[in-house]
Amino acid sequence: MNPKALFRSVAVAALCLFTVMAEAQIRAAFVYVGPAGEMGWSGSHDMGRQYLEEKFGSDIKTEYAEFVPEGRAATEVIRKLAQENDIVFTTSWGYMIPTLRVAKEFPQVKFGNASGMRLRENLSNFADRAYEPRYLSGMLAGAMTKTNQIGFVAAHPIPEVIRGINAFTLGVKRVNPQAQVVVHWTRQWFAPQKSAALAQQMIREGADVLTHHTDSPAVAEVAEKQGVYVISFHSDMISVAPTRQLASVGHNWGPYYADSIQALKDGRWKSGQRWLGMDEQVAQLNRISDQVPADIRAQVSDVMQQIKQGEFAVFSGPVYNSRGTRLIREGETLSDEDLDRMNWYVDGVVGDLVSY
């Protein structure tokens, strides 16, 4: 082959390689504990997935697996997705160990685990500071209860859920020291029938405001039917509780997922732990009802601004546990590591702290 022909051949090959690289899609997969199309935790992450498709268009291809059991049973699902994708987001604490295991098997694939604590060169974890809007929603609940009994339907007693219960209760007690928060556990993320049954039980026992940390709108539906107030979690549930929803605590995962994908496209993706709060508009308090008195709404707005500006921390002392022992001294604030390991109730919570 003469030199000119060889040059043309190399140039064509380089152009083809550049074209392939330019057109290469990022393939991203998501693993959900519940249904993608339902209002709740899994639904909030799937909205983030859809945001990626809108933002990146043909530059990305996404897929998801829903109703994936936590623990060892998730390993095969995560492994299969790792074989076919560039990055896999596993969206629950119970996927932490399986995700770590698969990340070791596929070092060329990136992984992101929601709410977990394990890190590796190709494994990050991320969480939002949902306890911040939880605190604010507790202020709303404390102001609106007449019976001073507020019901909280929770799924699993992992630190993320316990943080939410405690932050909510601290907010309640800020405006209503006489109120208490009664907790009952479903032991399942997505258990609409059990969630509804527990909500009805709490109402019978005197609760006139409800909230939840479950992956369905069941508690909001019961509140609407029974005529008690509800604060929705994970998603805005005004469509099922149009007259009884006081506010919604939600997550806007789209920007985080977009940052991760852009970093991967740019070759600058790095492992680490990300906490995303109200100041980044990931953890949110939305749609405060006009039924809440104007002075309470104004107070909540003031505290919200203090949180966003770093002038107020939810878990700053003095804070006492449910047995009356001071666990956070005045002038002290819990670190993120402390928050990641929270396994105790604050004063004002009533209920069993069952083991996970």
Protein backbone atom coordinates (compact mmCIF):
# COMPACT_ATOMS: atom_id res chain seq x y z
CA MET A 1 0.00 0.00 0.00
CA ASN A 2 1.45 3.37 -1.01
CA PRO A 3 1.86 6.10 1.66
CA LYS A 4 -1.13 8.18 0.42
CA ALA A 5 -3.43 5.17 0.48
CA LEU A 6 -2.16 4.22 3.93
CA PHE A 7 -2.78 7.76 5.21
CA ARG A 8 -6.32 7.75 3.80
CA SER A 9 -6.97 4.37 5.41
CA VAL A 10 -5.75 5.55 8.83
CA ALA A 11 -7.72 8.79 8.51
CA VAL A 12 -10.93 6.94 7.64
CA ALA A 13 -10.40 4.54 10.55
CA ALA A 14 -9.81 7.42 12.97
CA LEU A 15 -12.92 9.22 11.68
CA CYS A 16 -14.99 6.08 12.12
CA LEU A 17 -13.66 5.63 15.66
CA PHE A 18 -14.45 9.26 16.48
CA THR A 19 -17.97 8.84 15.08
CA VAL A 20 -18.56 5.72 17.17
CA MET A 21 -17.29 7.47 20.30
CA ALA A 22 -19.39 10.55 19.60
CA GLU A 23 -22.52 8.48 19.08
CA ALA A 24 -21.96 6.11 22.00
CA GLN A 25 -24.89 6.01 24.37
CA ILE A 26 -24.62 5.88 28.12
CA ARG A 27 -26.60 2.88 29.31
CA ALA A 28 -28.08 3.34 32.77
CA ALA A 29 -30.16 0.91 34.83
CA PHE A 30 -32.27 1.39 37.95
CA VAL A 31 -33.35 -1.12 40.59
CA TYR A 32 -36.54 -0.43 42.57
CA VAL A 33 -38.08 -2.05 45.64
CA GLY A 34 -41.57 -1.06 44.56
CA PRO A 35 -43.53 -0.10 41.45
CA ALA A 36 -42.11 2.45 39.06
CA GLY A 37 -45.51 3.84 38.15
CA GLU A 38 -46.90 4.31 41.68
CA MET A 39 -46.69 7.39 43.87
CA GLY A 40 -43.91 6.72 46.37
CA TRP A 41 -40.17 6.16 46.75
CA SER A 42 -39.67 4.03 43.65
CA GLY A 43 -41.88 6.36 41.65
CA SER A 44 -39.75 9.35 42.68
CA HIS A 45 -36.60 7.62 41.40
CA ASP A 46 -38.33 6.66 38.18
CA MET A 47 -39.20 10.29 37.64
CA GLY A 48 -35.47 10.91 37.92
CA ARG A 49 -34.87 8.25 35.28
CA GLN A 50 -37.40 9.90 32.99
CA TYR A 51 -35.69 13.23 33.59
CA LEU A 52 -32.48 11.70 32.21
CA GLU A 53 -34.22 10.63 29.03
CA GLU A 54 -35.64 14.11 28.56
CA LYS A 55 -32.32 15.81 29.26
CA PHE A 56 -29.95 13.58 27.31
CA GLY A 57 -32.25 12.28 24.58
CA SER A 58 -30.56 9.79 22.28
CA ASP A 59 -27.32 10.05 24.27
CA ILE A 60 -28.74 7.77 26.94
CA LYS A 61 -30.63 4.51 27.13
CA THR A 62 -32.27 3.55 30.42
CA GLU A 63 -34.00 0.51 31.84
CA TYR A 64 -35.33 -0.51 35.23
CA ALA A 65 -36.28 -3.51 37.32
CA GLU A 66 -39.13 -3.08 39.83
CA PHE A 67 -40.31 -5.10 42.84
CA VAL A 68 -36.78 -6.45 43.34
CA PRO A 69 -36.45 -8.11 46.78
CA GLU A 70 -33.75 -6.70 49.02
CA GLY A 71 -30.81 -8.69 50.35
CA ARG A 72 -29.11 -11.60 48.64
CA ALA A 73 -32.06 -12.14 46.30
CA ALA A 74 -31.21 -8.88 44.51
CA THR A 75 -27.75 -10.02 43.48
CA GLU A 76 -28.73 -11.78 40.26
CA VAL A 77 -30.84 -8.86 39.07
CA ILE A 78 -28.03 -6.37 39.73
CA ARG A 79 -25.49 -8.69 38.09
CA LYS A 80 -27.57 -9.01 34.93
CA LEU A 81 -27.98 -5.26 34.68
CA ALA A 82 -24.24 -4.76 35.21
CA GLN A 83 -23.57 -6.98 32.20
CA GLU A 84 -25.62 -4.69 29.97
CA ASN A 85 -25.11 -1.17 31.34
CA ASP A 86 -22.43 1.44 32.06
CA ILE A 87 -23.93 2.50 35.38
CA VAL A 88 -26.43 0.88 37.74
CA PHE A 89 -28.38 2.79 40.40
CA THR A 90 -29.74 0.60 43.20
CA THR A 91 -32.27 2.64 45.11
CA SER A 92 -32.56 1.12 48.59
CA TRP A 93 -30.55 0.40 51.72
CA GLY A 94 -31.24 -3.32 51.37
CA TYR A 95 -29.34 -3.41 48.07
CA MET A 96 -26.14 -2.14 49.67
CA ILE A 97 -24.32 -5.46 50.15
CA PRO A 98 -25.47 -7.06 46.87
CA THR A 99 -24.41 -3.91 45.02
CA LEU A 100 -20.98 -4.01 46.66
CA ARG A 101 -20.63 -7.67 45.72
CA VAL A 102 -21.49 -7.07 42.07
CA ALA A 103 -19.33 -3.92 41.92
CA LYS A 104 -16.33 -6.09 42.77
CA GLU A 105 -17.20 -8.42 39.90
CA PHE A 106 -17.59 -5.60 37.36
CA PRO A 107 -14.88 -2.99 38.06
CA GLN A 108 -15.50 -1.29 34.69
CA VAL A 109 -19.14 -0.55 35.58
CA LYS A 110 -20.15 2.32 37.87
CA PHE A 111 -22.70 1.87 40.66
CA GLY A 112 -24.71 4.24 42.85
CA ASN A 113 -26.54 2.99 45.95
CA ALA A 114 -29.21 5.10 47.64
CA SER A 115 -29.08 5.38 51.44
CA GLY A 116 -26.17 2.98 51.85
CA MET A 117 -22.77 3.44 53.46
CA ARG A 118 -20.41 1.22 51.44
CA LEU A 119 -17.93 2.75 49.01
CA ARG A 120 -15.57 1.33 46.41
CA GLU A 121 -13.65 2.73 43.45
CA ASN A 122 -16.68 2.13 41.25
CA LEU A 123 -19.39 2.37 43.92
CA SER A 124 -20.86 5.62 45.27
CA ASN A 125 -23.73 6.17 47.64
CA PHE A 126 -26.17 9.01 47.84
CA ALA A 127 -29.02 10.24 50.01
CA ASP A 128 -31.10 13.32 50.37
CA ARG A 129 -31.57 15.14 53.64
CA ALA A 130 -35.27 14.36 53.70
CA TYR A 131 -35.13 14.86 57.45
CA GLU A 132 -34.98 18.62 56.78
CA PRO A 133 -38.42 18.93 55.16
CA ARG A 134 -39.59 16.19 57.55
CA TYR A 135 -38.86 18.55 60.44
CA LEU A 136 -40.85 21.32 58.77
CA SER A 137 -43.77 18.98 58.09
CA GLY A 138 -43.70 18.02 61.77
CA MET A 139 -44.26 21.66 62.62
CA LEU A 140 -47.36 21.60 60.43
CA ALA A 141 -48.63 18.40 62.04
CA GLY A 142 -48.02 19.68 65.55
CA ALA A 143 -49.95 22.84 64.80
CA MET A 144 -52.93 21.07 63.21
CA THR A 145 -53.53 18.19 65.61
CA LYS A 146 -56.39 18.57 68.07
CA THR A 147 -55.94 15.22 69.84
CA ASN A 148 -52.17 15.64 70.24
CA GLN A 149 -51.72 12.18 68.74
CA ILE A 150 -50.08 11.83 65.34
CA GLY A 151 -49.75 8.51 63.53
CA PHE A 152 -46.64 7.47 61.60
CA VAL A 153 -46.77 4.34 59.40
CA ALA A 154 -43.19 3.22 58.69
CA ALA A 155 -41.73 0.34 56.71
CA HIS A 156 -38.29 -0.74 57.97
CA PRO A 157 -36.30 0.67 60.94
CA ILE A 158 -33.16 1.56 59.01
CA PRO A 159 -31.32 4.78 59.94
CA GLU A 160 -32.90 6.74 57.07
CA VAL A 161 -36.42 5.99 58.32
CA ILE A 162 -35.55 6.56 61.98
CA ARG A 163 -33.99 9.94 61.05
CA GLY A 164 -37.26 10.88 59.41
CA ILE A 165 -39.35 9.84 62.41
CA ASN A 166 -37.09 11.74 64.79
CA ALA A 167 -36.88 14.87 62.67
CA PHE A 168 -40.65 14.89 62.21
CA THR A 169 -41.16 14.53 65.96
CA LEU A 170 -38.71 17.31 66.77
CA GLY A 171 -40.70 19.57 64.45
CA VAL A 172 -43.96 18.53 66.11
CA LYS A 173 -42.57 19.24 69.59
CA ARG A 174 -41.24 22.63 68.52
CA VAL A 175 -44.76 23.98 68.09
CA ASN A 176 -46.70 21.58 70.33
CA PRO A 177 -44.79 20.11 73.29
CA GLN A 178 -47.85 18.08 74.39
CA ALA A 179 -48.16 16.09 71.15
CA GLN A 180 -46.72 12.62 70.59
CA VAL A 181 -45.94 10.60 67.47
CA VAL A 182 -47.08 6.97 67.48
CA VAL A 183 -45.15 4.66 65.16
CA HIS A 184 -46.29 1.35 63.69
CA TRP A 185 -44.25 -0.79 61.30
CA THR A 186 -45.33 -2.61 58.15
CA ARG A 187 -41.99 -4.45 57.76
CA GLN A 188 -42.44 -4.02 53.99
CA TRP A 189 -41.75 -1.07 51.71
CA PHE A 190 -44.69 -1.68 49.42
CA ALA A 191 -47.61 -3.03 51.44
CA PRO A 192 -50.71 -0.94 50.64
CA GLN A 193 -53.19 -3.15 52.50
CA LYS A 194 -51.09 -3.33 55.65
CA SER A 195 -50.33 0.40 55.50
CA ALA A 196 -54.04 1.15 55.21
CA ALA A 197 -54.91 -1.17 58.09
CA LEU A 198 -52.34 0.48 60.37
CA ALA A 199 -53.55 3.94 59.39
CA GLN A 200 -57.13 2.97 60.25
CA GLN A 201 -55.97 1.51 63.58
CA MET A 202 -54.19 4.74 64.48
CA ILE A 203 -57.28 6.79 63.68
CA ARG A 204 -59.38 4.55 65.90
CA GLU A 205 -56.84 5.07 68.68
CA GLY A 206 -57.09 8.86 68.41
CA ALA A 207 -54.67 10.07 65.73
CA ASP A 208 -56.03 13.00 63.74
CA VAL A 209 -52.91 13.61 61.62
CA LEU A 210 -51.05 10.88 59.73
CA THR A 211 -47.80 10.55 57.85
CA HIS A 212 -45.76 7.64 56.56
CA HIS A 213 -42.52 6.27 55.17
CA THR A 214 -43.88 3.64 52.81
CA ASP A 215 -43.84 3.14 49.06
CA SER A 216 -47.54 3.69 48.29
CA PRO A 217 -50.29 6.31 48.72
CA ALA A 218 -52.37 4.01 50.97
CA VAL A 219 -52.05 6.17 54.11
CA ALA A 220 -53.08 9.30 52.21
CA GLU A 221 -56.09 7.48 50.77
CA VAL A 222 -57.23 6.40 54.24
CA ALA A 223 -56.78 9.92 55.62
CA GLU A 224 -58.96 11.37 52.89
CA LYS A 225 -61.69 8.80 53.43
CA GLN A 226 -61.61 9.11 57.22
CA GLY A 227 -61.41 12.88 57.31
CA VAL A 228 -58.07 13.28 59.09
CA TYR A 229 -55.07 15.26 57.92
CA VAL A 230 -52.10 13.67 56.18
CA ILE A 231 -48.58 14.68 55.21
CA SER A 232 -47.53 12.70 52.16
CA PHE A 233 -44.04 11.34 51.72
CA HIS A 234 -41.96 10.61 48.61
CA SER A 235 -44.59 12.08 46.25
CA ASP A 236 -47.25 14.74 46.13
CA MET A 237 -50.47 12.79 46.81
CA ILE A 238 -52.95 15.61 46.37
CA SER A 239 -54.72 13.51 43.73
CA VAL A 240 -55.76 10.93 46.34
CA ALA A 241 -56.09 13.33 49.30
CA PRO A 242 -57.36 16.55 47.72
CA THR A 243 -58.97 17.93 50.89
CA ARG A 244 -56.83 16.43 53.65
CA GLN A 245 -53.20 16.74 52.53
CA LEU A 246 -51.39 19.38 54.58
CA ALA A 247 -48.14 19.18 52.61
CA SER A 248 -45.91 16.78 50.74
CA VAL A 249 -42.32 15.85 51.53
CA GLY A 250 -40.66 14.81 48.29
CA HIS A 251 -37.43 14.05 46.46
CA ASN A 252 -36.25 15.58 43.20
CA TRP A 253 -33.65 13.03 42.05
CA GLY A 254 -33.34 14.23 38.45
CA PRO A 255 -30.49 16.74 38.98
CA TYR A 256 -28.41 14.22 40.93
CA TYR A 257 -28.82 11.54 38.29
CA ALA A 258 -28.04 14.05 35.55
CA ASP A 259 -24.83 15.10 37.32
CA SER A 260 -23.78 11.45 37.57
CA ILE A 261 -24.44 10.77 33.90
CA GLN A 262 -22.68 13.94 32.77
CA ALA A 263 -19.66 13.05 34.89
CA LEU A 264 -19.59 9.61 33.29
CA LYS A 265 -19.83 11.10 29.80
CA ASP A 266 -16.99 13.53 30.60
CA GLY A 267 -14.76 10.85 32.11
CA ARG A 268 -14.73 12.53 35.54
CA TRP A 269 -17.01 10.19 37.52
CA LYS A 270 -15.60 9.57 41.01
CA SER A 271 -16.73 7.47 43.93
CA GLY A 272 -17.97 9.25 47.01
CA GLN A 273 -20.86 9.92 49.34
CA ARG A 274 -23.37 12.62 48.43
CA TRP A 275 -25.88 14.19 50.80
CA LEU A 276 -28.39 16.38 48.99
CA GLY A 277 -30.51 18.76 51.00
CA MET A 278 -33.07 21.52 50.74
CA ASP A 279 -30.39 24.00 49.70
CA GLU A 280 -29.89 21.92 46.54
CA GLN A 281 -33.66 21.56 46.05
CA VAL A 282 -33.43 17.76 46.12
CA ALA A 283 -35.19 17.30 49.47
CA GLN A 284 -38.36 19.37 49.31
CA LEU A 285 -41.44 20.48 51.20
CA ASN A 286 -44.19 21.08 48.68
CA ARG A 287 -47.79 22.27 48.47
CA ILE A 288 -48.44 23.57 51.99
CA SER A 289 -52.21 23.71 52.37
CA ASP A 290 -54.08 26.95 52.90
CA GLN A 291 -55.81 25.13 55.75
CA VAL A 292 -52.65 25.70 57.80
CA PRO A 293 -52.91 29.06 59.65
CA ALA A 294 -50.92 31.86 58.07
CA ASP A 295 -48.73 32.39 61.15
CA ILE A 296 -47.66 28.71 61.11
CA ARG A 297 -46.93 28.84 57.39
CA ALA A 298 -44.80 31.92 57.98
CA GLN A 299 -42.93 30.22 60.81
CA VAL A 300 -42.25 27.17 58.65
CA SER A 301 -41.02 29.41 55.84
CA ASP A 302 -38.61 31.17 58.21
CA VAL A 303 -37.15 27.88 59.47
CA MET A 304 -36.90 26.61 55.89
CA GLN A 305 -34.74 29.59 54.97
CA GLN A 306 -32.57 29.04 58.05
CA ILE A 307 -32.01 25.42 56.98
CA LYS A 308 -31.16 26.38 53.40
CA GLN A 309 -28.72 29.05 54.58
CA GLY A 310 -27.03 26.72 57.05
CA GLU A 311 -28.23 28.69 60.07
CA PHE A 312 -30.23 25.84 61.63
CA ALA A 313 -29.52 22.12 61.87
CA VAL A 314 -32.36 19.74 62.67
CA PHE A 315 -30.26 17.51 64.92
CA SER A 316 -28.66 20.18 67.09
CA GLY A 317 -28.79 20.01 70.85
CA PRO A 318 -30.13 19.75 73.33
CA VAL A 319 -31.95 16.60 72.14
CA TYR A 320 -33.21 13.86 74.46
CA ASN A 321 -34.06 10.30 73.56
CA SER A 322 -37.39 8.61 74.32
CA ARG A 323 -36.06 7.52 77.73
CA GLY A 324 -35.20 11.06 78.77
CA THR A 325 -31.44 10.77 78.31
CA ARG A 326 -29.72 13.73 76.68
CA LEU A 327 -27.92 12.43 73.58
CA ILE A 328 -27.04 15.73 71.92
CA ARG A 329 -25.69 18.50 74.12
CA GLU A 330 -26.55 22.14 73.61
CA GLY A 331 -24.26 23.62 70.99
CA GLU A 332 -23.54 20.24 69.41
CA THR A 333 -24.81 18.91 66.09
CA LEU A 334 -24.82 15.32 64.88
CA SER A 335 -22.35 14.51 62.11
CA ASP A 336 -23.38 12.75 58.91
CA GLU A 337 -21.74 9.61 60.27
CA ASP A 338 -23.96 9.83 63.36
CA LEU A 339 -27.02 10.32 61.18
CA ASP A 340 -26.04 7.30 59.10
CA ARG A 341 -26.10 5.12 62.23
CA MET A 342 -29.14 6.51 64.02
CA ASN A 343 -30.94 3.73 65.92
CA TRP A 344 -32.79 5.56 68.71
CA TYR A 345 -35.97 7.59 69.14
CA VAL A 346 -36.17 11.19 70.29
CA ASP A 347 -38.45 12.22 73.14
CA GLY A 348 -42.04 12.28 71.91
CA VAL A 349 -41.95 9.07 69.86
CA VAL A 350 -44.09 6.18 71.05
CA GLY A 351 -43.62 2.71 69.58
CA ASP A 352 -41.38 -0.30 69.29
CA LEU A 353 -38.02 0.08 67.62
CA VAL A 354 -37.97 -3.34 65.98
CA SER A 355 -34.84 -4.81 64.45
CA TYR A 356 -34.37 -4.76 60.71
